[in-house]
Amino acid sequence: MNLAICYFLKEDYRKSIERATESLNLQQGVKAYYRRAKAKAALKDYWGATADLDEAIKIDPSDPNNF
């Protein structure tokens, strides 16, 4: 998970997506979906980013930031 944000901050969005995906393969989590969505959005993959955010909402529908 931490590598995903590190690569994102270095603007290596593809590696950020890879690391977030590896994390999700180990354990589903809101933060991993969110980080992957941010990287996808940075690459202008808005449909992919939206799909990841939808998955994050399914994991934690009680999050007050969901709308």
PDB file of N, CA and C in Angstrom:
ATOM      1  N   MET A   1       0.810  -1.193   0.000  1.00  0.00           N
ATOM      2  CA  MET A   1       0.000   0.000   0.000  1.00  0.00           C
ATOM      3  C   MET A   1       0.858   1.264   0.000  1.00  0.00           C
ATOM      4  N   ASN A   2       1.883   1.277   0.819  1.00  0.00           N
ATOM      5  CA  ASN A   2       2.702   2.488   0.885  1.00  0.00           C
ATOM      6  C   ASN A   2       3.447   2.734  -0.415  1.00  0.00           C
ATOM      7  N   LEU A   3       3.833   1.653  -1.099  1.00  0.00           N
ATOM      8  CA  LEU A   3       4.512   1.839  -2.379  1.00  0.00           C
ATOM      9  C   LEU A   3       3.582   2.473  -3.406  1.00  0.00           C
ATOM     10  N   ALA A   4       2.314   2.164  -3.329  1.00  0.00           N
ATOM     11  CA  ALA A   4       1.352   2.748  -4.270  1.00  0.00           C
ATOM     12  C   ALA A   4       1.347   4.272  -4.148  1.00  0.00           C
ATOM     13  N   ILE A   5       1.339   4.784  -2.941  1.00  0.00           N
ATOM     14  CA  ILE A   5       1.325   6.235  -2.770  1.00  0.00           C
ATOM     15  C   ILE A   5       2.685   6.845  -3.124  1.00  0.00           C
ATOM     16  N   CYS A   6       3.764   6.107  -2.840  1.00  0.00           N
ATOM     17  CA  CYS A   6       5.097   6.613  -3.200  1.00  0.00           C
ATOM     18  C   CYS A   6       5.227   6.780  -4.707  1.00  0.00           C
ATOM     19  N   TYR A   7       4.811   5.760  -5.454  1.00  0.00           N
ATOM     20  CA  TYR A   7       4.865   5.864  -6.911  1.00  0.00           C
ATOM     21  C   TYR A   7       3.929   6.961  -7.417  1.00  0.00           C
ATOM     22  N   PHE A   8       2.775   7.110  -6.772  1.00  0.00           N
ATOM     23  CA  PHE A   8       1.850   8.173  -7.179  1.00  0.00           C
ATOM     24  C   PHE A   8       2.512   9.538  -7.012  1.00  0.00           C
ATOM     25  N   LEU A   9       3.166   9.746  -5.885  1.00  0.00           N
ATOM     26  CA  LEU A   9       3.814  11.033  -5.624  1.00  0.00           C
ATOM     27  C   LEU A   9       4.972  11.297  -6.587  1.00  0.00           C
ATOM     28  N   LYS A  10       5.579  10.213  -7.088  1.00  0.00           N
ATOM     29  CA  LYS A  10       6.645  10.357  -8.090  1.00  0.00           C
ATOM     30  C   LYS A  10       6.070  10.473  -9.502  1.00  0.00           C
ATOM     31  N   GLU A  11       4.747  10.473  -9.593  1.00  0.00           N
ATOM     32  CA  GLU A  11       4.007  10.569 -10.851  1.00  0.00           C
ATOM     33  C   GLU A  11       4.243   9.365 -11.770  1.00  0.00           C
ATOM     34  N   ASP A  12       4.575   8.220 -11.162  1.00  0.00           N
ATOM     35  CA  ASP A  12       4.675   6.959 -11.897  1.00  0.00           C
ATOM     36  C   ASP A  12       3.363   6.221 -11.648  1.00  0.00           C
ATOM     37  N   TYR A  13       2.330   6.655 -12.358  1.00  0.00           N
ATOM     38  CA  TYR A  13       0.973   6.192 -12.084  1.00  0.00           C
ATOM     39  C   TYR A  13       0.764   4.722 -12.419  1.00  0.00           C
ATOM     40  N   ARG A  14       1.434   4.234 -13.436  1.00  0.00           N
ATOM     41  CA  ARG A  14       1.280   2.816 -13.790  1.00  0.00           C
ATOM     42  C   ARG A  14       1.817   1.905 -12.690  1.00  0.00           C
ATOM     43  N   LYS A  15       2.967   2.249 -12.135  1.00  0.00           N
ATOM     44  CA  LYS A  15       3.505   1.456 -11.021  1.00  0.00           C
ATOM     45  C   LYS A  15       2.628   1.603  -9.780  1.00  0.00           C
ATOM     46  N   SER A  16       2.062   2.771  -9.590  1.00  0.00           N
ATOM     47  CA  SER A  16       1.151   2.978  -8.471  1.00  0.00           C
ATOM     48  C   SER A  16      -0.051   2.042  -8.595  1.00  0.00           C
ATOM     49  N   ILE A  17      -0.591   1.930  -9.799  1.00  0.00           N
ATOM     50  CA  ILE A  17      -1.716   1.024 -10.042  1.00  0.00           C
ATOM     51  C   ILE A  17      -1.296  -0.419  -9.788  1.00  0.00           C
ATOM     52  N   GLU A  18      -0.104  -0.800 -10.257  1.00  0.00           N
ATOM     53  CA  GLU A  18       0.384  -2.165 -10.049  1.00  0.00           C
ATOM     54  C   GLU A  18       0.479  -2.490  -8.559  1.00  0.00           C
ATOM     55  N   ARG A  19       1.035  -1.593  -7.795  1.00  0.00           N
ATOM     56  CA  ARG A  19       1.220  -1.844  -6.355  1.00  0.00           C
ATOM     57  C   ARG A  19      -0.120  -1.888  -5.627  1.00  0.00           C
ATOM     58  N   ALA A  20      -1.030  -1.008  -5.984  1.00  0.00           N
ATOM     59  CA  ALA A  20      -2.356  -1.028  -5.356  1.00  0.00           C
ATOM     60  C   ALA A  20      -3.082  -2.327  -5.709  1.00  0.00           C
ATOM     61  N   THR A  21      -2.932  -2.775  -6.946  1.00  0.00           N
ATOM     62  CA  THR A  21      -3.558  -4.030  -7.373  1.00  0.00           C
ATOM     63  C   THR A  21      -2.967  -5.207  -6.610  1.00  0.00           C
ATOM     64  N   GLU A  22      -1.650  -5.217  -6.422  1.00  0.00           N
ATOM     65  CA  GLU A  22      -1.020  -6.277  -5.628  1.00  0.00           C
ATOM     66  C   GLU A  22      -1.584  -6.291  -4.217  1.00  0.00           C
ATOM     67  N   SER A  23      -1.760  -5.119  -3.651  1.00  0.00           N
ATOM     68  CA  SER A  23      -2.330  -5.021  -2.311  1.00  0.00           C
ATOM     69  C   SER A  23      -3.759  -5.571  -2.285  1.00  0.00           C
ATOM     70  N   LEU A  24      -4.538  -5.228  -3.299  1.00  0.00           N
ATOM     71  CA  LEU A  24      -5.920  -5.704  -3.371  1.00  0.00           C
ATOM     72  C   LEU A  24      -5.980  -7.219  -3.561  1.00  0.00           C
ATOM     73  N   ASN A  25      -5.000  -7.787  -4.248  1.00  0.00           N
ATOM     74  CA  ASN A  25      -4.955  -9.236  -4.414  1.00  0.00           C
ATOM     75  C   ASN A  25      -4.710  -9.944  -3.083  1.00  0.00           C
ATOM     76  N   LEU A  26      -4.036  -9.254  -2.181  1.00  0.00           N
ATOM     77  CA  LEU A  26      -3.784  -9.823  -0.853  1.00  0.00           C
ATOM     78  C   LEU A  26      -4.958  -9.602   0.086  1.00  0.00           C
ATOM     79  N   GLN A  27      -5.518  -8.398   0.030  1.00  0.00           N
ATOM     80  CA  GLN A  27      -6.634  -8.059   0.920  1.00  0.00           C
ATOM     81  C   GLN A  27      -7.398  -6.865   0.356  1.00  0.00           C
ATOM     82  N   GLN A  28      -8.704  -7.013   0.250  1.00  0.00           N
ATOM     83  CA  GLN A  28      -9.547  -5.919  -0.230  1.00  0.00           C
ATOM     84  C   GLN A  28      -9.550  -4.801   0.805  1.00  0.00           C
ATOM     85  N   GLY A  29      -9.427  -3.570   0.349  1.00  0.00           N
ATOM     86  CA  GLY A  29      -9.446  -2.451   1.270  1.00  0.00           C
ATOM     87  C   GLY A  29      -9.819  -1.149   0.576  1.00  0.00           C
ATOM     88  N   VAL A  30     -10.500  -0.303   1.310  1.00  0.00           N
ATOM     89  CA  VAL A  30     -10.946   0.980   0.776  1.00  0.00           C
ATOM     90  C   VAL A  30      -9.754   1.823   0.319  1.00  0.00           C
ATOM     91  N   LYS A  31      -8.720   1.856   1.130  1.00  0.00           N
ATOM     92  CA  LYS A  31      -7.573   2.707   0.825  1.00  0.00           C
ATOM     93  C   LYS A  31      -6.885   2.271  -0.474  1.00  0.00           C
ATOM     94  N   ALA A  32      -6.764   0.977  -0.689  1.00  0.00           N
ATOM     95  CA  ALA A  32      -6.127   0.488  -1.921  1.00  0.00           C
ATOM     96  C   ALA A  32      -6.958   0.861  -3.148  1.00  0.00           C
ATOM     97  N   TYR A  33      -8.270   0.706  -3.048  1.00  0.00           N
ATOM     98  CA  TYR A  33      -9.130   1.104  -4.166  1.00  0.00           C
ATOM     99  C   TYR A  33      -9.028   2.603  -4.420  1.00  0.00           C
ATOM    100  N   TYR A  34      -8.998   3.379  -3.350  1.00  0.00           N
ATOM    101  CA  TYR A  34      -8.911   4.833  -3.493  1.00  0.00           C
ATOM    102  C   TYR A  34      -7.595   5.241  -4.164  1.00  0.00           C
ATOM    103  N   ARG A  35      -6.498   4.647  -3.701  1.00  0.00           N
ATOM    104  CA  ARG A  35      -5.198   4.999  -4.280  1.00  0.00           C
ATOM    105  C   ARG A  35      -5.110   4.583  -5.734  1.00  0.00           C
ATOM    106  N   ARG A  36      -5.664   3.419  -6.051  1.00  0.00           N
ATOM    107  CA  ARG A  36      -5.652   2.978  -7.444  1.00  0.00           C
ATOM    108  C   ARG A  36      -6.535   3.885  -8.297  1.00  0.00           C
ATOM    109  N   ALA A  37      -7.659   4.311  -7.744  1.00  0.00           N
ATOM    110  CA  ALA A  37      -8.552   5.219  -8.475  1.00  0.00           C
ATOM    111  C   ALA A  37      -7.863   6.545  -8.773  1.00  0.00           C
ATOM    112  N   LYS A  38      -7.120   7.066  -7.806  1.00  0.00           N
ATOM    113  CA  LYS A  38      -6.410   8.326  -8.031  1.00  0.00           C
ATOM    114  C   LYS A  38      -5.394   8.187  -9.161  1.00  0.00           C
ATOM    115  N   ALA A  39      -4.678   7.081  -9.188  1.00  0.00           N
ATOM    116  CA  ALA A  39      -3.681   6.866 -10.234  1.00  0.00           C
ATOM    117  C   ALA A  39      -4.363   6.699 -11.591  1.00  0.00           C
ATOM    118  N   LYS A  40      -5.469   5.972 -11.625  1.00  0.00           N
ATOM    119  CA  LYS A  40      -6.197   5.808 -12.881  1.00  0.00           C
ATOM    120  C   LYS A  40      -6.722   7.155 -13.376  1.00  0.00           C
ATOM    121  N   ALA A  41      -7.223   7.962 -12.484  1.00  0.00           N
ATOM    122  CA  ALA A  41      -7.724   9.288 -12.871  1.00  0.00           C
ATOM    123  C   ALA A  41      -6.589  10.150 -13.417  1.00  0.00           C
ATOM    124  N   ALA A  42      -5.408  10.029 -12.819  1.00  0.00           N
ATOM    125  CA  ALA A  42      -4.261  10.796 -13.307  1.00  0.00           C
ATOM    126  C   ALA A  42      -3.893  10.398 -14.731  1.00  0.00           C
ATOM    127  N   LEU A  43      -4.187   9.143 -15.086  1.00  0.00           N
ATOM    128  CA  LEU A  43      -3.950   8.662 -16.450  1.00  0.00           C
ATOM    129  C   LEU A  43      -5.163   8.867 -17.354  1.00  0.00           C
ATOM    130  N   LYS A  44      -6.152   9.577 -16.829  1.00  0.00           N
ATOM    131  CA  LYS A  44      -7.397   9.886 -17.544  1.00  0.00           C
ATOM    132  C   LYS A  44      -8.259   8.651 -17.832  1.00  0.00           C
ATOM    133  N   ASP A  45      -8.083   7.609 -16.996  1.00  0.00           N
ATOM    134  CA  ASP A  45      -8.941   6.417 -17.062  1.00  0.00           C
ATOM    135  C   ASP A  45     -10.075   6.639 -16.059  1.00  0.00           C
ATOM    136  N   TYR A  46     -11.002   7.504 -16.426  1.00  0.00           N
ATOM    137  CA  TYR A  46     -12.057   7.895 -15.504  1.00  0.00           C
ATOM    138  C   TYR A  46     -13.048   6.765 -15.239  1.00  0.00           C
ATOM    139  N   TRP A  47     -13.309   5.926 -16.249  1.00  0.00           N
ATOM    140  CA  TRP A  47     -14.221   4.790 -16.035  1.00  0.00           C
ATOM    141  C   TRP A  47     -13.598   3.813 -15.035  1.00  0.00           C
ATOM    142  N   GLY A  48     -12.302   3.554 -15.177  1.00  0.00           N
ATOM    143  CA  GLY A  48     -11.614   2.663 -14.249  1.00  0.00           C
ATOM    144  C   GLY A  48     -11.572   3.231 -12.841  1.00  0.00           C
ATOM    145  N   ALA A  49     -11.332   4.529 -12.754  1.00  0.00           N
ATOM    146  CA  ALA A  49     -11.296   5.185 -11.446  1.00  0.00           C
ATOM    147  C   ALA A  49     -12.668   5.114 -10.777  1.00  0.00           C
ATOM    148  N   THR A  50     -13.717   5.349 -11.548  1.00  0.00           N
ATOM    149  CA  THR A  50     -15.077   5.280 -11.007  1.00  0.00           C
ATOM    150  C   THR A  50     -15.397   3.871 -10.524  1.00  0.00           C
ATOM    151  N   ALA A  51     -14.984   2.873 -11.286  1.00  0.00           N
ATOM    152  CA  ALA A  51     -15.235   1.479 -10.891  1.00  0.00           C
ATOM    153  C   ALA A  51     -14.535   1.161  -9.571  1.00  0.00           C
ATOM    154  N   ASP A  52     -13.308   1.640  -9.400  1.00  0.00           N
ATOM    155  CA  ASP A  52     -12.589   1.406  -8.147  1.00  0.00           C
ATOM    156  C   ASP A  52     -13.272   2.111  -6.978  1.00  0.00           C
ATOM    157  N   LEU A  53     -13.742   3.320  -7.200  1.00  0.00           N
ATOM    158  CA  LEU A  53     -14.429   4.040  -6.121  1.00  0.00           C
ATOM    159  C   LEU A  53     -15.749   3.360  -5.766  1.00  0.00           C
ATOM    160  N   ASP A  54     -16.434   2.813  -6.762  1.00  0.00           N
ATOM    161  CA  ASP A  54     -17.659   2.050  -6.488  1.00  0.00           C
ATOM    162  C   ASP A  54     -17.357   0.839  -5.616  1.00  0.00           C
ATOM    163  N   GLU A  55     -16.249   0.157  -5.894  1.00  0.00           N
ATOM    164  CA  GLU A  55     -15.854  -1.000  -5.075  1.00  0.00           C
ATOM    165  C   GLU A  55     -15.531  -0.572  -3.650  1.00  0.00           C
ATOM    166  N   ALA A  56     -14.877   0.563  -3.502  1.00  0.00           N
ATOM    167  CA  ALA A  56     -14.560   1.062  -2.162  1.00  0.00           C
ATOM    168  C   ALA A  56     -15.834   1.347  -1.377  1.00  0.00           C
ATOM    169  N   ILE A  57     -16.837   1.907  -2.042  1.00  0.00           N
ATOM    170  CA  ILE A  57     -18.110   2.200  -1.383  1.00  0.00           C
ATOM    171  C   ILE A  57     -18.805   0.908  -0.955  1.00  0.00           C
ATOM    172  N   LYS A  58     -18.692  -0.139  -1.769  1.00  0.00           N
ATOM    173  CA  LYS A  58     -19.296  -1.428  -1.404  1.00  0.00           C
ATOM    174  C   LYS A  58     -18.669  -1.989  -0.136  1.00  0.00           C
ATOM    175  N   ILE A  59     -17.368  -1.769   0.034  1.00  0.00           N
ATOM    176  CA  ILE A  59     -16.675  -2.281   1.222  1.00  0.00           C
ATOM    177  C   ILE A  59     -17.122  -1.534   2.466  1.00  0.00           C
ATOM    178  N   ASP A  60     -17.266  -0.217   2.362  1.00  0.00           N
ATOM    179  CA  ASP A  60     -17.634   0.585   3.526  1.00  0.00           C
ATOM    180  C   ASP A  60     -18.712   1.604   3.153  1.00  0.00           C
ATOM    181  N   PRO A  61     -19.967   1.145   3.039  1.00  0.00           N
ATOM    182  CA  PRO A  61     -21.047   2.059   2.661  1.00  0.00           C
ATOM    183  C   PRO A  61     -21.375   3.093   3.740  1.00  0.00           C
ATOM    184  N   SER A  62     -20.879   2.912   4.955  1.00  0.00           N
ATOM    185  CA  SER A  62     -21.183   3.856   6.034  1.00  0.00           C
ATOM    186  C   SER A  62     -20.250   5.044   6.062  1.00  0.00           C
ATOM    187  N   ASP A  63     -19.247   5.065   5.191  1.00  0.00           N
ATOM    188  CA  ASP A  63     -18.311   6.179   5.160  1.00  0.00           C
ATOM    189  C   ASP A  63     -19.072   7.469   4.849  1.00  0.00           C
ATOM    190  N   PRO A  64     -18.962   8.496   5.696  1.00  0.00           N
ATOM    191  CA  PRO A  64     -19.721   9.733   5.468  1.00  0.00           C
ATOM    192  C   PRO A  64     -19.287  10.501   4.222  1.00  0.00           C
ATOM    193  N   ASN A  65     -18.134  10.136   3.642  1.00  0.00           N
ATOM    194  CA  ASN A  65     -17.666  10.812   2.432  1.00  0.00           C
ATOM    195  C   ASN A  65     -18.278  10.233   1.171  1.00  0.00           C
ATOM    196  N   ASN A  66     -19.032   9.165   1.283  1.00  0.00           N
ATOM    197  CA  ASN A  66     -19.694   8.561   0.120  1.00  0.00           C
ATOM    198  C   ASN A  66     -20.930   9.393  -0.232  1.00  0.00           C
ATOM    199  N   PHE A  67     -21.039   9.744  -1.484  1.00  0.00           N
ATOM    200  CA  PHE A  67     -22.227  10.457  -1.960  1.00  0.00           C
ATOM    201  C   PHE A  67     -22.424  10.196  -3.402  1.00  0.00           C
TER     202      PHE A  67
END
